[in-house]
Amino acid sequence: MSTGPQVAINYDNIPPEMQARKQWVLWGVDADNPKAPCQIVNPARGAKANNPLTWGMFEAARCSVELLGEAQGIGYEITPADGLVAIDFDHCIDPDGQLMEPFATWKKALPGYWELSQSGHGLHGFVRGTLPAGCGNKRQINPQNEDDKREVELYIKERYIAMTGALWGAQTPLAEAPDAQAGVDVILGQMYMRPEDVQAEAALPDVPDRPEAEITAIIEAALAKSPDFYTLWNWTEHPGKLGDESKDDMAFVCSAWKATEY
């Protein structure tokens, strides 16, 4: 978890509401496991995300890093009482320093505190909102491509965020930040992280992948068999046939199922 030269650490920028809470830990104490959170009063002992007795105050954590050199950095333990959602966009910034999609669109609906991660390639955000019980916390943007490292993570409990105070992009003081629940819900919906999505995913049987040639043959047969499937498969504009992208997606799935049922 080394800090890149482009990340200007400045703990003064961390919102005062967060600084005031006794929810701080250290990271980078153990060279073999730098991500492991440690206690401020005794860095040799681990901190636990579900045990507030192992957390400490902001200034003490800062002193441990900046004056005593006992750790590489400080981390904030998010709790439901904060009324905040901690957002982690991984590998979201391109080589030109621009925010990639879908993160750029998401961030517009997420007013709050935003900072660079230690790597300089990710963002941490804290916005007003919550998460439903049973939702997913982490998703890859493109799981079919193992070379695509972009991810999104959302937490309201049992997780610490390694803080930098390196401000990035538009900021809204948390004391003035409007509710960002709509923006959070968009991510949950688009990334299939809602509780019902997680339950459905868990219920799916473990089916081995079919050979590519077999899949190609099935698609070609479906294209020849179903005009609806053919239309939706070849549609290049949105909204498409039904005037609504979500309805088009559902119609595509239904037509595919009908065309390939045998």
C-alpha atoms as a PDB file:
ATOM      1  CA  MET A   1       0.000   0.000   0.000  1.00  0.00           C
ATOM      2  CA  SER A   2       2.696   2.478  -0.911  1.00  0.00           C
ATOM      3  CA  THR A   3       1.779   6.078  -1.496  1.00  0.00           C
ATOM      4  CA  GLY A   4       2.487   7.291  -4.991  1.00  0.00           C
ATOM      5  CA  PRO A   5       4.280  10.619  -5.475  1.00  0.00           C
ATOM      6  CA  GLN A   6       1.143  12.127  -7.012  1.00  0.00           C
ATOM      7  CA  VAL A   7      -0.839  11.738  -3.763  1.00  0.00           C
ATOM      8  CA  ALA A   8      -0.368  14.718  -1.425  1.00  0.00           C
ATOM      9  CA  ILE A   9      -1.309  13.434   2.032  1.00  0.00           C
ATOM     10  CA  ASN A  10      -3.057  16.123   4.105  1.00  0.00           C
ATOM     11  CA  TYR A  11      -5.052  14.855   7.040  1.00  0.00           C
ATOM     12  CA  ASP A  12      -6.274  18.413   7.740  1.00  0.00           C
ATOM     13  CA  ASN A  13      -8.713  17.969   4.833  1.00  0.00           C
ATOM     14  CA  ILE A  14     -10.574  15.062   6.432  1.00  0.00           C
ATOM     15  CA  PRO A  15     -14.069  16.235   7.442  1.00  0.00           C
ATOM     16  CA  PRO A  16     -14.206  17.508  11.057  1.00  0.00           C
ATOM     17  CA  GLU A  17     -17.243  15.305  11.746  1.00  0.00           C
ATOM     18  CA  MET A  18     -15.097  12.260  11.061  1.00  0.00           C
ATOM     19  CA  GLN A  19     -12.071  13.618  12.910  1.00  0.00           C
ATOM     20  CA  ALA A  20     -14.202  14.043  16.041  1.00  0.00           C
ATOM     21  CA  ARG A  21     -15.285  10.403  16.233  1.00  0.00           C
ATOM     22  CA  LYS A  22     -13.341   7.741  18.075  1.00  0.00           C
ATOM     23  CA  GLN A  23     -13.231   5.474  15.036  1.00  0.00           C
ATOM     24  CA  TRP A  24      -9.598   5.541  13.957  1.00  0.00           C
ATOM     25  CA  VAL A  25      -6.997   2.825  13.451  1.00  0.00           C
ATOM     26  CA  LEU A  26      -3.536   2.507  11.972  1.00  0.00           C
ATOM     27  CA  TRP A  27      -2.405   0.596   8.906  1.00  0.00           C
ATOM     28  CA  GLY A  28       1.030  -0.258   7.535  1.00  0.00           C
ATOM     29  CA  VAL A  29       2.432  -1.415  10.874  1.00  0.00           C
ATOM     30  CA  ASP A  30       3.216  -4.977   9.826  1.00  0.00           C
ATOM     31  CA  ALA A  31       5.429  -5.032   6.734  1.00  0.00           C
ATOM     32  CA  ASP A  32       4.213  -8.533   5.892  1.00  0.00           C
ATOM     33  CA  ASN A  33       0.548  -7.514   6.088  1.00  0.00           C
ATOM     34  CA  PRO A  34       0.364  -3.719   5.678  1.00  0.00           C
ATOM     35  CA  LYS A  35      -3.413  -3.668   5.173  1.00  0.00           C
ATOM     36  CA  ALA A  36      -4.065  -5.164   8.611  1.00  0.00           C
ATOM     37  CA  PRO A  37      -5.603  -2.530  10.924  1.00  0.00           C
ATOM     38  CA  CYS A  38      -3.797  -1.953  14.219  1.00  0.00           C
ATOM     39  CA  GLN A  39      -4.624  -0.225  17.477  1.00  0.00           C
ATOM     40  CA  ILE A  40      -3.369   3.287  18.125  1.00  0.00           C
ATOM     41  CA  VAL A  41      -2.599   2.745  21.815  1.00  0.00           C
ATOM     42  CA  ASN A  42      -0.570  -0.367  20.986  1.00  0.00           C
ATOM     43  CA  PRO A  43       0.292  -0.723  17.284  1.00  0.00           C
ATOM     44  CA  ALA A  44       1.576  -4.236  17.906  1.00  0.00           C
ATOM     45  CA  ARG A  45      -2.017  -5.337  18.523  1.00  0.00           C
ATOM     46  CA  GLY A  46      -4.603  -5.689  15.802  1.00  0.00           C
ATOM     47  CA  ALA A  47      -7.777  -3.626  15.617  1.00  0.00           C
ATOM     48  CA  LYS A  48     -11.116  -5.228  14.839  1.00  0.00           C
ATOM     49  CA  ALA A  49     -13.821  -3.768  12.612  1.00  0.00           C
ATOM     50  CA  ASN A  50     -16.565  -5.022  14.944  1.00  0.00           C
ATOM     51  CA  ASN A  51     -14.918  -3.915  18.214  1.00  0.00           C
ATOM     52  CA  PRO A  52     -14.929  -0.151  18.960  1.00  0.00           C
ATOM     53  CA  LEU A  53     -12.727  -0.791  22.002  1.00  0.00           C
ATOM     54  CA  THR A  54      -9.841  -1.305  19.558  1.00  0.00           C
ATOM     55  CA  TRP A  55     -10.328   2.089  17.893  1.00  0.00           C
ATOM     56  CA  GLY A  56      -8.950   5.478  18.905  1.00  0.00           C
ATOM     57  CA  MET A  57      -9.040   9.210  18.300  1.00  0.00           C
ATOM     58  CA  PHE A  58      -7.942  11.002  15.149  1.00  0.00           C
ATOM     59  CA  GLU A  59      -5.187  13.154  16.644  1.00  0.00           C
ATOM     60  CA  ALA A  60      -3.611  10.176  18.361  1.00  0.00           C
ATOM     61  CA  ALA A  61      -3.648   8.240  15.092  1.00  0.00           C
ATOM     62  CA  ARG A  62      -2.136  11.170  13.250  1.00  0.00           C
ATOM     63  CA  CYS A  63       0.586  11.530  15.866  1.00  0.00           C
ATOM     64  CA  SER A  64       1.438   7.840  15.534  1.00  0.00           C
ATOM     65  CA  VAL A  65       2.072   8.332  11.812  1.00  0.00           C
ATOM     66  CA  GLU A  66       3.506  11.839  11.493  1.00  0.00           C
ATOM     67  CA  LEU A  67       5.526  12.136  14.710  1.00  0.00           C
ATOM     68  CA  LEU A  68       6.236   8.626  15.959  1.00  0.00           C
ATOM     69  CA  GLY A  69       6.469   6.824  12.627  1.00  0.00           C
ATOM     70  CA  GLU A  70       4.655   3.804  14.030  1.00  0.00           C
ATOM     71  CA  ALA A  71       2.536   3.234  10.910  1.00  0.00           C
ATOM     72  CA  GLN A  72       2.260   4.196   7.254  1.00  0.00           C
ATOM     73  CA  GLY A  73      -1.192   5.726   7.567  1.00  0.00           C
ATOM     74  CA  ILE A  74      -4.502   6.098   9.367  1.00  0.00           C
ATOM     75  CA  GLY A  75      -7.842   4.469   8.687  1.00  0.00           C
ATOM     76  CA  TYR A  76     -11.455   5.302   9.495  1.00  0.00           C
ATOM     77  CA  GLU A  77     -13.851   2.600  10.742  1.00  0.00           C
ATOM     78  CA  ILE A  78     -17.260   3.293   9.194  1.00  0.00           C
ATOM     79  CA  THR A  79     -20.384   2.590  11.316  1.00  0.00           C
ATOM     80  CA  PRO A  80     -24.143   2.844  10.624  1.00  0.00           C
ATOM     81  CA  ALA A  81     -24.368   5.607  13.249  1.00  0.00           C
ATOM     82  CA  ASP A  82     -22.340   7.870  10.953  1.00  0.00           C
ATOM     83  CA  GLY A  83     -25.211   8.104   8.483  1.00  0.00           C
ATOM     84  CA  LEU A  84     -22.615   7.779   5.732  1.00  0.00           C
ATOM     85  CA  VAL A  85     -21.804   5.363   2.949  1.00  0.00           C
ATOM     86  CA  ALA A  86     -18.098   4.792   2.383  1.00  0.00           C
ATOM     87  CA  ILE A  87     -17.434   4.409  -1.337  1.00  0.00           C
ATOM     88  CA  ASP A  88     -14.279   2.958  -2.834  1.00  0.00           C
ATOM     89  CA  PHE A  89     -13.728   3.327  -6.583  1.00  0.00           C
ATOM     90  CA  ASP A  90     -10.749   1.131  -7.536  1.00  0.00           C
ATOM     91  CA  HIS A  91      -8.642   1.747 -10.670  1.00  0.00           C
ATOM     92  CA  CYS A  92     -11.053   4.473 -11.753  1.00  0.00           C
ATOM     93  CA  ILE A  93      -8.593   7.148 -12.935  1.00  0.00           C
ATOM     94  CA  ASP A  94      -7.005   6.883 -16.365  1.00  0.00           C
ATOM     95  CA  PRO A  95      -3.363   7.754 -17.196  1.00  0.00           C
ATOM     96  CA  ASP A  96      -4.444  11.309 -18.088  1.00  0.00           C
ATOM     97  CA  GLY A  97      -5.894  11.821 -14.618  1.00  0.00           C
ATOM     98  CA  GLN A  98      -9.504  11.656 -15.782  1.00  0.00           C
ATOM     99  CA  LEU A  99     -12.268   9.741 -14.046  1.00  0.00           C
ATOM    100  CA  MET A 100     -13.367   6.791 -16.183  1.00  0.00           C
ATOM    101  CA  GLU A 101     -16.901   5.543 -16.735  1.00  0.00           C
ATOM    102  CA  PRO A 102     -19.094   4.485 -15.082  1.00  0.00           C
ATOM    103  CA  PHE A 103     -17.462   6.239 -12.119  1.00  0.00           C
ATOM    104  CA  ALA A 104     -17.668   9.719 -13.651  1.00  0.00           C
ATOM    105  CA  THR A 105     -21.437   9.438 -14.086  1.00  0.00           C
ATOM    106  CA  TRP A 106     -21.925   7.940 -10.628  1.00  0.00           C
ATOM    107  CA  LYS A 107     -19.907  10.635  -8.866  1.00  0.00           C
ATOM    108  CA  LYS A 108     -22.140  13.399 -10.225  1.00  0.00           C
ATOM    109  CA  ALA A 109     -24.969  12.018  -8.068  1.00  0.00           C
ATOM    110  CA  LEU A 110     -22.786  11.538  -4.978  1.00  0.00           C
ATOM    111  CA  PRO A 111     -22.078  14.911  -3.318  1.00  0.00           C
ATOM    112  CA  GLY A 112     -19.788  14.645  -0.328  1.00  0.00           C
ATOM    113  CA  TYR A 113     -16.149  14.217   0.611  1.00  0.00           C
ATOM    114  CA  TRP A 114     -13.822  12.725  -2.036  1.00  0.00           C
ATOM    115  CA  GLU A 115     -10.126  11.927  -1.843  1.00  0.00           C
ATOM    116  CA  LEU A 116      -7.471  10.055  -3.779  1.00  0.00           C
ATOM    117  CA  SER A 117      -6.475   6.623  -2.548  1.00  0.00           C
ATOM    118  CA  GLN A 118      -2.831   5.847  -1.721  1.00  0.00           C
ATOM    119  CA  SER A 119      -2.212   4.430  -5.190  1.00  0.00           C
ATOM    120  CA  GLY A 120      -3.354   7.571  -6.958  1.00  0.00           C
ATOM    121  CA  HIS A 121      -5.532   5.418  -9.219  1.00  0.00           C
ATOM    122  CA  GLY A 122      -8.631   5.185  -6.999  1.00  0.00           C
ATOM    123  CA  LEU A 123     -11.036   7.377  -5.043  1.00  0.00           C
ATOM    124  CA  HIS A 124     -12.616   7.220  -1.602  1.00  0.00           C
ATOM    125  CA  GLY A 125     -15.927   8.961  -1.007  1.00  0.00           C
ATOM    126  CA  PHE A 126     -18.155   9.562   2.020  1.00  0.00           C
ATOM    127  CA  VAL A 127     -21.739  10.556   1.239  1.00  0.00           C
ATOM    128  CA  ARG A 128     -25.044  10.786   3.091  1.00  0.00           C
ATOM    129  CA  GLY A 129     -27.037   7.576   2.786  1.00  0.00           C
ATOM    130  CA  THR A 130     -27.259   3.955   3.843  1.00  0.00           C
ATOM    131  CA  LEU A 131     -27.205   0.413   2.459  1.00  0.00           C
ATOM    132  CA  PRO A 132     -29.978  -2.178   2.693  1.00  0.00           C
ATOM    133  CA  ALA A 133     -29.316  -5.272   4.781  1.00  0.00           C
ATOM    134  CA  GLY A 134     -28.039  -8.139   2.659  1.00  0.00           C
ATOM    135  CA  CYS A 135     -26.748  -6.075  -0.248  1.00  0.00           C
ATOM    136  CA  GLY A 136     -23.446  -6.754  -1.971  1.00  0.00           C
ATOM    137  CA  ASN A 137     -20.434  -4.678  -0.974  1.00  0.00           C
ATOM    138  CA  LYS A 138     -17.998  -5.257  -3.819  1.00  0.00           C
ATOM    139  CA  ARG A 139     -18.278  -5.751  -7.566  1.00  0.00           C
ATOM    140  CA  GLN A 140     -15.944  -5.731 -10.539  1.00  0.00           C
ATOM    141  CA  ILE A 141     -17.107  -3.432 -13.312  1.00  0.00           C
ATOM    142  CA  ASN A 142     -16.287  -5.989 -15.996  1.00  0.00           C
ATOM    143  CA  PRO A 143     -15.891  -9.439 -14.409  1.00  0.00           C
ATOM    144  CA  GLN A 144     -15.630 -11.112 -17.839  1.00  0.00           C
ATOM    145  CA  ASN A 145     -12.285  -9.384 -18.407  1.00  0.00           C
ATOM    146  CA  GLU A 146      -9.724 -10.400 -15.806  1.00  0.00           C
ATOM    147  CA  ASP A 147      -7.396  -7.646 -17.042  1.00  0.00           C
ATOM    148  CA  ASP A 148      -9.967  -4.981 -16.127  1.00  0.00           C
ATOM    149  CA  LYS A 149      -9.252  -4.133 -12.488  1.00  0.00           C
ATOM    150  CA  ARG A 150     -12.002  -1.525 -12.062  1.00  0.00           C
ATOM    151  CA  GLU A 151     -14.141  -2.187  -8.982  1.00  0.00           C
ATOM    152  CA  VAL A 152     -16.692  -0.472  -6.780  1.00  0.00           C
ATOM    153  CA  GLU A 153     -17.089  -1.057  -3.043  1.00  0.00           C
ATOM    154  CA  LEU A 154     -19.762   0.293  -0.691  1.00  0.00           C
ATOM    155  CA  TYR A 155     -19.780   0.016   3.111  1.00  0.00           C
ATOM    156  CA  ILE A 156     -21.608   1.322   6.167  1.00  0.00           C
ATOM    157  CA  LYS A 157     -20.062  -1.016   8.753  1.00  0.00           C
ATOM    158  CA  GLU A 158     -17.240  -3.393   9.612  1.00  0.00           C
ATOM    159  CA  ARG A 159     -14.732  -1.818   7.267  1.00  0.00           C
ATOM    160  CA  TYR A 160     -11.936   0.697   7.594  1.00  0.00           C
ATOM    161  CA  ILE A 161     -10.956   3.099   4.839  1.00  0.00           C
ATOM    162  CA  ALA A 162      -7.292   4.107   4.590  1.00  0.00           C
ATOM    163  CA  MET A 163      -7.480   7.904   4.496  1.00  0.00           C
ATOM    164  CA  THR A 164      -5.224  10.365   2.677  1.00  0.00           C
ATOM    165  CA  GLY A 165      -6.909  13.766   2.827  1.00  0.00           C
ATOM    166  CA  ALA A 166      -5.748  14.260  -0.779  1.00  0.00           C
ATOM    167  CA  LEU A 167      -8.834  16.033  -2.096  1.00  0.00           C
ATOM    168  CA  TRP A 168     -10.054  15.121  -5.580  1.00  0.00           C
ATOM    169  CA  GLY A 169     -12.735  16.828  -7.638  1.00  0.00           C
ATOM    170  CA  ALA A 170     -15.773  18.729  -6.414  1.00  0.00           C
ATOM    171  CA  GLN A 171     -16.259  18.687  -2.639  1.00  0.00           C
ATOM    172  CA  THR A 172     -19.396  19.173  -0.559  1.00  0.00           C
ATOM    173  CA  PRO A 173     -18.840  19.628   3.199  1.00  0.00           C
ATOM    174  CA  LEU A 174     -20.572  16.785   4.992  1.00  0.00           C
ATOM    175  CA  ALA A 175     -22.381  19.268   7.223  1.00  0.00           C
ATOM    176  CA  GLU A 176     -24.031  20.686   4.096  1.00  0.00           C
ATOM    177  CA  ALA A 177     -24.179  17.570   1.929  1.00  0.00           C
ATOM    178  CA  PRO A 178     -27.648  16.580   0.710  1.00  0.00           C
ATOM    179  CA  ASP A 179     -28.868  13.023   0.875  1.00  0.00           C
ATOM    180  CA  ALA A 180     -27.112  10.939  -1.791  1.00  0.00           C
ATOM    181  CA  GLN A 181     -29.288   7.839  -1.448  1.00  0.00           C
ATOM    182  CA  ALA A 182     -30.501   8.077  -5.042  1.00  0.00           C
ATOM    183  CA  GLY A 183     -26.918   7.925  -6.292  1.00  0.00           C
ATOM    184  CA  VAL A 184     -26.086   4.995  -4.022  1.00  0.00           C
ATOM    185  CA  ASP A 185     -29.192   3.141  -5.235  1.00  0.00           C
ATOM    186  CA  VAL A 186     -28.136   3.634  -8.860  1.00  0.00           C
ATOM    187  CA  ILE A 187     -24.857   1.831  -8.183  1.00  0.00           C
ATOM    188  CA  LEU A 188     -26.623  -0.968  -6.322  1.00  0.00           C
ATOM    189  CA  GLY A 189     -29.033  -1.434  -9.214  1.00  0.00           C
ATOM    190  CA  GLN A 190     -26.590  -1.175 -12.096  1.00  0.00           C
ATOM    191  CA  MET A 191     -24.041  -3.462 -10.445  1.00  0.00           C
ATOM    192  CA  TYR A 192     -26.621  -6.020  -9.245  1.00  0.00           C
ATOM    193  CA  MET A 193     -25.689  -5.449  -5.601  1.00  0.00           C
ATOM    194  CA  ARG A 194     -29.233  -5.166  -4.219  1.00  0.00           C
ATOM    195  CA  PRO A 195     -30.286  -7.811  -1.669  1.00  0.00           C
ATOM    196  CA  GLU A 196     -32.547  -9.523  -4.192  1.00  0.00           C
ATOM    197  CA  ASP A 197     -29.676  -9.654  -6.699  1.00  0.00           C
ATOM    198  CA  VAL A 198     -27.352 -11.218  -4.132  1.00  0.00           C
ATOM    199  CA  GLN A 199     -29.995 -13.792  -3.187  1.00  0.00           C
ATOM    200  CA  ALA A 200     -30.641 -14.670  -6.822  1.00  0.00           C
ATOM    201  CA  GLU A 201     -26.924 -15.008  -7.490  1.00  0.00           C
ATOM    202  CA  ALA A 202     -26.510 -17.329  -4.505  1.00  0.00           C
ATOM    203  CA  ALA A 203     -29.356 -19.507  -5.777  1.00  0.00           C
ATOM    204  CA  LEU A 204     -27.871 -20.006  -9.242  1.00  0.00           C
ATOM    205  CA  PRO A 205     -26.610 -23.550  -9.856  1.00  0.00           C
ATOM    206  CA  ASP A 206     -22.951 -24.084 -10.597  1.00  0.00           C
ATOM    207  CA  VAL A 207     -23.126 -24.844 -14.319  1.00  0.00           C
ATOM    208  CA  PRO A 208     -19.899 -25.523 -16.228  1.00  0.00           C
ATOM    209  CA  ASP A 209     -19.085 -23.181 -19.098  1.00  0.00           C
ATOM    210  CA  ARG A 210     -20.156 -24.366 -22.534  1.00  0.00           C
ATOM    211  CA  PRO A 211     -17.640 -24.527 -25.382  1.00  0.00           C
ATOM    212  CA  GLU A 212     -17.535 -21.356 -27.469  1.00  0.00           C
ATOM    213  CA  ALA A 213     -18.503 -23.251 -30.625  1.00  0.00           C
ATOM    214  CA  GLU A 214     -21.637 -24.568 -28.935  1.00  0.00           C
ATOM    215  CA  ILE A 215     -22.622 -21.083 -27.753  1.00  0.00           C
ATOM    216  CA  THR A 216     -22.102 -19.676 -31.254  1.00  0.00           C
ATOM    217  CA  ALA A 217     -24.315 -22.399 -32.722  1.00  0.00           C
ATOM    218  CA  ILE A 218     -27.078 -21.662 -30.199  1.00  0.00           C
ATOM    219  CA  ILE A 219     -26.985 -17.930 -30.979  1.00  0.00           C
ATOM    220  CA  GLU A 220     -27.085 -18.534 -34.731  1.00  0.00           C
ATOM    221  CA  ALA A 221     -30.066 -20.867 -34.327  1.00  0.00           C
ATOM    222  CA  ALA A 222     -31.864 -18.308 -32.151  1.00  0.00           C
ATOM    223  CA  LEU A 223     -31.234 -15.519 -34.678  1.00  0.00           C
ATOM    224  CA  ALA A 224     -32.780 -17.650 -37.409  1.00  0.00           C
ATOM    225  CA  LYS A 225     -35.702 -18.795 -35.256  1.00  0.00           C
ATOM    226  CA  SER A 226     -36.850 -15.606 -33.499  1.00  0.00           C
ATOM    227  CA  PRO A 227     -37.462 -12.225 -35.223  1.00  0.00           C
ATOM    228  CA  ASP A 228     -37.642 -10.552 -31.784  1.00  0.00           C
ATOM    229  CA  PHE A 229     -34.292 -11.978 -30.755  1.00  0.00           C
ATOM    230  CA  TYR A 230     -32.801 -10.963 -34.117  1.00  0.00           C
ATOM    231  CA  THR A 231     -34.079  -7.366 -33.735  1.00  0.00           C
ATOM    232  CA  LEU A 232     -32.887  -6.956 -30.155  1.00  0.00           C
ATOM    233  CA  TRP A 233     -29.550  -8.658 -30.835  1.00  0.00           C
ATOM    234  CA  ASN A 234     -28.755  -6.249 -33.676  1.00  0.00           C
ATOM    235  CA  TRP A 235     -30.124  -3.074 -32.111  1.00  0.00           C
ATOM    236  CA  THR A 236     -27.333  -0.506 -31.750  1.00  0.00           C
ATOM    237  CA  GLU A 237     -29.197   2.482 -30.273  1.00  0.00           C
ATOM    238  CA  HIS A 238     -30.832   3.085 -26.900  1.00  0.00           C
ATOM    239  CA  PRO A 239     -33.636   3.257 -26.163  1.00  0.00           C
ATOM    240  CA  GLY A 240     -34.350   0.522 -28.671  1.00  0.00           C
ATOM    241  CA  LYS A 241     -37.385  -1.437 -29.715  1.00  0.00           C
ATOM    242  CA  LEU A 242     -39.522  -0.797 -26.616  1.00  0.00           C
ATOM    243  CA  GLY A 243     -38.355   2.756 -25.992  1.00  0.00           C
ATOM    244  CA  ASP A 244     -36.758   1.908 -22.650  1.00  0.00           C
ATOM    245  CA  GLU A 245     -33.347   0.310 -22.101  1.00  0.00           C
ATOM    246  CA  SER A 246     -34.480  -1.766 -19.110  1.00  0.00           C
ATOM    247  CA  LYS A 247     -37.529  -3.050 -21.010  1.00  0.00           C
ATOM    248  CA  ASP A 248     -35.317  -3.820 -23.999  1.00  0.00           C
ATOM    249  CA  ASP A 249     -32.959  -5.820 -21.768  1.00  0.00           C
ATOM    250  CA  MET A 250     -35.848  -7.808 -20.307  1.00  0.00           C
ATOM    251  CA  ALA A 251     -37.353  -8.401 -23.744  1.00  0.00           C
ATOM    252  CA  PHE A 252     -33.960  -9.574 -25.010  1.00  0.00           C
ATOM    253  CA  VAL A 253     -33.612 -12.099 -22.179  1.00  0.00           C
ATOM    254  CA  CYS A 254     -37.157 -13.383 -22.683  1.00  0.00           C
ATOM    255  CA  SER A 255     -36.749 -13.706 -26.457  1.00  0.00           C
ATOM    256  CA  ALA A 256     -33.423 -15.490 -25.986  1.00  0.00           C
ATOM    257  CA  TRP A 257     -35.012 -17.960 -23.568  1.00  0.00           C
ATOM    258  CA  LYS A 258     -37.913 -18.673 -25.928  1.00  0.00           C
ATOM    259  CA  ALA A 259     -35.670 -18.990 -28.955  1.00  0.00           C
ATOM    260  CA  THR A 260     -33.221 -21.375 -27.297  1.00  0.00           C
ATOM    261  CA  GLU A 261     -35.705 -23.513 -25.350  1.00  0.00           C
ATOM    262  CA  TYR A 262     -35.458 -27.096 -26.447  1.00  0.00           C
END
